[in-house]
Amino acid sequence: MKTTVKKLYNFFIFFKLRKGVPMENIQIDLEKGSIFYHYKNLKLYEYLGPCKIQENNEWIEAVIYKEYKSLVDSGLFVRTKKEFLEKFKRR
């Protein structure tokens, strides 16, 4: 059942993007403490919360995240919400 919901969710995002709806306007269920993995290095990261960053003199939606259960304090990271959703997948 969980796999079916995930496939429907991914289809919904794909369909909305094809219709020209900006990624920032799509409601994504990002919950604090959710675990994601990076598509390339497969490391786990924990979503901490939303924030805003300035890009080209415009405030845009962004996210704050950190490495999940890292033995070394690697600090906090920030990416635009769009980039985060493109490069990270829910665990």
N, C-alpha and C. Protein backbone atom coordinates (compact mmCIF):
# COMPACT_ATOMS: atom_id res chain seq x y z
N MET A 1 0.82 -1.19 0.00
CA MET A 1 0.00 0.00 0.00
C MET A 1 0.87 1.26 0.00
N LYS A 2 1.95 1.27 0.78
CA LYS A 2 2.80 2.43 0.89
C LYS A 2 3.45 2.77 -0.46
N THR A 3 3.86 1.75 -1.20
CA THR A 3 4.47 1.96 -2.50
C THR A 3 3.48 2.59 -3.47
N THR A 4 2.23 2.15 -3.44
CA THR A 4 1.21 2.71 -4.33
C THR A 4 0.98 4.18 -4.03
N VAL A 5 0.92 4.54 -2.77
CA VAL A 5 0.73 5.94 -2.38
C VAL A 5 1.91 6.77 -2.86
N LYS A 6 3.12 6.25 -2.71
CA LYS A 6 4.32 6.96 -3.14
C LYS A 6 4.30 7.18 -4.65
N LYS A 7 3.89 6.18 -5.42
CA LYS A 7 3.82 6.31 -6.87
C LYS A 7 2.78 7.36 -7.27
N LEU A 8 1.64 7.35 -6.61
CA LEU A 8 0.61 8.34 -6.89
C LEU A 8 1.10 9.74 -6.55
N TYR A 9 1.79 9.86 -5.44
CA TYR A 9 2.33 11.15 -5.01
C TYR A 9 3.32 11.67 -6.05
N ASN A 10 4.25 10.81 -6.51
CA ASN A 10 5.23 11.22 -7.51
C ASN A 10 4.56 11.59 -8.82
N PHE A 11 3.50 10.86 -9.20
CA PHE A 11 2.77 11.19 -10.42
C PHE A 11 2.11 12.55 -10.28
N PHE A 12 1.54 12.83 -9.10
CA PHE A 12 0.90 14.11 -8.86
C PHE A 12 1.89 15.26 -9.05
N ILE A 13 3.08 15.13 -8.48
CA ILE A 13 4.11 16.16 -8.60
C ILE A 13 4.49 16.32 -10.07
N PHE A 14 4.71 15.22 -10.78
CA PHE A 14 5.09 15.26 -12.18
C PHE A 14 4.01 15.95 -13.01
N PHE A 15 2.75 15.60 -12.76
CA PHE A 15 1.63 16.18 -13.51
C PHE A 15 1.53 17.68 -13.26
N LYS A 16 1.67 18.09 -12.01
CA LYS A 16 1.60 19.52 -11.68
C LYS A 16 2.72 20.29 -12.35
N LEU A 17 3.94 19.73 -12.37
CA LEU A 17 5.07 20.42 -12.99
C LEU A 17 4.87 20.54 -14.50
N ARG A 18 4.29 19.52 -15.12
CA ARG A 18 4.03 19.57 -16.56
C ARG A 18 2.97 20.61 -16.89
N LYS A 19 2.06 20.86 -15.96
CA LYS A 19 1.02 21.85 -16.18
C LYS A 19 1.54 23.27 -15.98
N GLY A 20 2.79 23.41 -15.58
CA GLY A 20 3.37 24.73 -15.41
C GLY A 20 3.20 25.32 -14.03
N VAL A 21 2.78 24.51 -13.06
CA VAL A 21 2.66 25.00 -11.69
C VAL A 21 4.06 25.05 -11.09
N PRO A 22 4.50 26.22 -10.61
CA PRO A 22 5.85 26.29 -10.01
C PRO A 22 5.98 25.36 -8.81
N MET A 23 7.15 24.78 -8.65
CA MET A 23 7.41 23.83 -7.56
C MET A 23 7.13 24.48 -6.20
N GLU A 24 7.40 25.78 -6.07
CA GLU A 24 7.21 26.45 -4.79
C GLU A 24 5.74 26.47 -4.38
N ASN A 25 4.82 26.42 -5.34
CA ASN A 25 3.39 26.50 -5.04
C ASN A 25 2.76 25.14 -4.79
N ILE A 26 3.51 24.07 -4.95
CA ILE A 26 2.98 22.73 -4.70
C ILE A 26 3.13 22.43 -3.22
N GLN A 27 2.06 22.03 -2.60
CA GLN A 27 2.10 21.71 -1.17
C GLN A 27 2.73 20.33 -0.99
N ILE A 28 3.88 20.31 -0.37
CA ILE A 28 4.61 19.07 -0.12
C ILE A 28 4.56 18.81 1.38
N ASP A 29 4.32 17.58 1.75
CA ASP A 29 4.21 17.27 3.18
C ASP A 29 5.59 17.09 3.81
N LEU A 30 6.32 18.18 3.91
CA LEU A 30 7.61 18.16 4.57
C LEU A 30 7.35 18.33 6.06
N GLU A 31 7.65 17.31 6.82
CA GLU A 31 7.45 17.35 8.27
C GLU A 31 8.80 17.40 8.96
N LYS A 32 8.88 18.19 10.02
CA LYS A 32 10.12 18.26 10.77
C LYS A 32 10.50 16.86 11.24
N GLY A 33 11.77 16.53 11.06
CA GLY A 33 12.25 15.22 11.47
C GLY A 33 12.17 14.17 10.37
N SER A 34 11.58 14.52 9.22
CA SER A 34 11.51 13.57 8.09
C SER A 34 12.92 13.28 7.59
N ILE A 35 13.14 12.04 7.18
CA ILE A 35 14.44 11.61 6.69
C ILE A 35 14.40 11.51 5.17
N PHE A 36 15.42 12.08 4.52
CA PHE A 36 15.56 12.05 3.07
C PHE A 36 16.94 11.54 2.73
N TYR A 37 17.09 11.03 1.51
CA TYR A 37 18.42 10.65 1.04
C TYR A 37 18.73 11.40 -0.23
N HIS A 38 20.01 11.73 -0.41
CA HIS A 38 20.47 12.46 -1.59
C HIS A 38 20.54 11.49 -2.77
N TYR A 39 20.08 11.93 -3.91
CA TYR A 39 19.99 11.04 -5.08
C TYR A 39 21.35 10.54 -5.55
N LYS A 40 22.42 11.29 -5.30
CA LYS A 40 23.73 10.92 -5.82
C LYS A 40 24.59 10.20 -4.79
N ASN A 41 24.77 10.79 -3.61
CA ASN A 41 25.67 10.19 -2.63
C ASN A 41 24.97 9.24 -1.66
N LEU A 42 23.64 9.18 -1.71
CA LEU A 42 22.80 8.28 -0.91
C LEU A 42 22.94 8.47 0.61
N LYS A 43 23.52 9.59 1.04
CA LYS A 43 23.60 9.88 2.46
C LYS A 43 22.23 10.30 2.97
N LEU A 44 21.98 10.04 4.25
CA LEU A 44 20.71 10.40 4.86
C LEU A 44 20.79 11.80 5.47
N TYR A 45 19.70 12.55 5.32
CA TYR A 45 19.60 13.90 5.85
C TYR A 45 18.25 14.07 6.53
N GLU A 46 18.23 14.90 7.57
CA GLU A 46 17.01 15.16 8.33
C GLU A 46 16.51 16.57 8.03
N TYR A 47 15.25 16.67 7.64
CA TYR A 47 14.62 17.96 7.38
C TYR A 47 14.32 18.65 8.71
N LEU A 48 14.78 19.89 8.85
CA LEU A 48 14.58 20.61 10.11
C LEU A 48 13.44 21.62 10.04
N GLY A 49 13.23 22.22 8.89
CA GLY A 49 12.14 23.18 8.79
C GLY A 49 12.28 24.11 7.60
N PRO A 50 11.25 24.93 7.40
CA PRO A 50 11.28 25.87 6.28
C PRO A 50 12.01 27.16 6.66
N CYS A 51 12.42 27.90 5.66
CA CYS A 51 13.00 29.23 5.85
C CYS A 51 12.87 29.98 4.53
N LYS A 52 13.37 31.16 4.50
CA LYS A 52 13.39 31.94 3.25
C LYS A 52 14.81 32.40 3.01
N ILE A 53 15.20 32.42 1.74
CA ILE A 53 16.50 32.95 1.36
C ILE A 53 16.31 33.93 0.22
N GLN A 54 17.28 34.81 0.08
CA GLN A 54 17.18 35.81 -0.97
C GLN A 54 17.99 35.37 -2.18
N GLU A 55 17.35 35.40 -3.34
CA GLU A 55 18.00 35.02 -4.59
C GLU A 55 17.60 36.06 -5.63
N ASN A 56 18.58 36.73 -6.20
CA ASN A 56 18.32 37.80 -7.18
C ASN A 56 17.36 38.85 -6.64
N ASN A 57 17.63 39.32 -5.43
CA ASN A 57 16.82 40.35 -4.76
C ASN A 57 15.37 39.95 -4.55
N GLU A 58 15.10 38.67 -4.46
CA GLU A 58 13.75 38.18 -4.25
C GLU A 58 13.78 37.09 -3.18
N TRP A 59 12.82 37.13 -2.26
CA TRP A 59 12.75 36.12 -1.21
C TRP A 59 12.01 34.90 -1.73
N ILE A 60 12.64 33.72 -1.57
CA ILE A 60 12.03 32.48 -2.04
C ILE A 60 12.01 31.45 -0.91
N GLU A 61 11.14 30.45 -1.06
CA GLU A 61 11.01 29.38 -0.08
C GLU A 61 12.28 28.52 -0.09
N ALA A 62 12.72 28.13 1.09
CA ALA A 62 13.90 27.29 1.22
C ALA A 62 13.70 26.32 2.38
N VAL A 63 14.63 25.40 2.53
CA VAL A 63 14.57 24.43 3.61
C VAL A 63 15.91 24.35 4.33
N ILE A 64 15.85 24.02 5.61
CA ILE A 64 17.05 23.80 6.41
C ILE A 64 17.11 22.31 6.71
N TYR A 65 18.29 21.72 6.55
CA TYR A 65 18.45 20.29 6.83
C TYR A 65 19.85 20.02 7.34
N LYS A 66 20.05 18.82 7.90
CA LYS A 66 21.37 18.42 8.42
C LYS A 66 21.57 16.94 8.16
N GLU A 67 22.82 16.50 8.29
CA GLU A 67 23.10 15.07 8.14
C GLU A 67 22.39 14.32 9.26
N TYR A 68 21.86 13.15 8.94
CA TYR A 68 21.12 12.35 9.89
C TYR A 68 22.07 11.52 10.73
N LYS A 69 22.03 11.70 12.04
CA LYS A 69 22.84 10.94 13.01
C LYS A 69 24.31 10.88 12.62
N SER A 70 24.86 12.02 12.23
CA SER A 70 26.27 12.09 11.86
C SER A 70 27.14 12.06 13.12
N LEU A 71 28.26 11.35 13.06
CA LEU A 71 29.17 11.30 14.19
C LEU A 71 29.96 12.60 14.33
N VAL A 72 30.09 13.32 13.23
CA VAL A 72 30.80 14.59 13.21
C VAL A 72 29.79 15.70 12.97
N ASP A 73 29.93 16.81 13.69
CA ASP A 73 29.00 17.92 13.48
C ASP A 73 29.33 18.59 12.15
N SER A 74 28.55 18.31 11.13
CA SER A 74 28.80 18.87 9.81
C SER A 74 28.05 20.17 9.58
N GLY A 75 27.29 20.62 10.56
CA GLY A 75 26.58 21.89 10.45
C GLY A 75 25.21 21.75 9.80
N LEU A 76 24.62 22.88 9.54
CA LEU A 76 23.30 22.92 8.90
C LEU A 76 23.46 23.32 7.44
N PHE A 77 22.52 22.87 6.62
CA PHE A 77 22.54 23.19 5.20
C PHE A 77 21.24 23.87 4.81
N VAL A 78 21.29 24.70 3.77
CA VAL A 78 20.11 25.38 3.26
C VAL A 78 20.09 25.25 1.74
N ARG A 79 18.92 24.94 1.20
CA ARG A 79 18.70 24.89 -0.24
C ARG A 79 17.33 25.47 -0.54
N THR A 80 17.13 25.88 -1.77
CA THR A 80 15.79 26.29 -2.16
C THR A 80 14.89 25.06 -2.07
N LYS A 81 13.62 25.29 -1.82
CA LYS A 81 12.67 24.18 -1.71
C LYS A 81 12.64 23.38 -3.02
N LYS A 82 12.68 24.09 -4.14
CA LYS A 82 12.65 23.43 -5.44
C LYS A 82 13.85 22.50 -5.61
N GLU A 83 15.03 23.02 -5.32
CA GLU A 83 16.25 22.21 -5.48
C GLU A 83 16.25 21.03 -4.52
N PHE A 84 15.80 21.25 -3.28
CA PHE A 84 15.75 20.17 -2.30
C PHE A 84 14.86 19.04 -2.79
N LEU A 85 13.68 19.38 -3.30
CA LEU A 85 12.75 18.36 -3.76
C LEU A 85 13.22 17.65 -5.02
N GLU A 86 14.07 18.31 -5.79
CA GLU A 86 14.63 17.68 -6.99
C GLU A 86 15.75 16.69 -6.63
N LYS A 87 16.56 17.04 -5.63
CA LYS A 87 17.76 16.25 -5.33
C LYS A 87 17.62 15.26 -4.18
N PHE A 88 16.55 15.38 -3.40
CA PHE A 88 16.37 14.49 -2.26
C PHE A 88 15.07 13.71 -2.38
N LYS A 89 15.13 12.47 -1.97
CA LYS A 89 13.96 11.59 -1.99
C LYS A 89 13.68 11.12 -0.57
N ARG A 90 12.40 10.96 -0.28
CA ARG A 90 12.00 10.51 1.06
C ARG A 90 12.48 9.08 1.29
N ARG A 91 12.96 8.82 2.48
CA ARG A 91 13.45 7.48 2.82
C ARG A 91 12.33 6.50 2.92
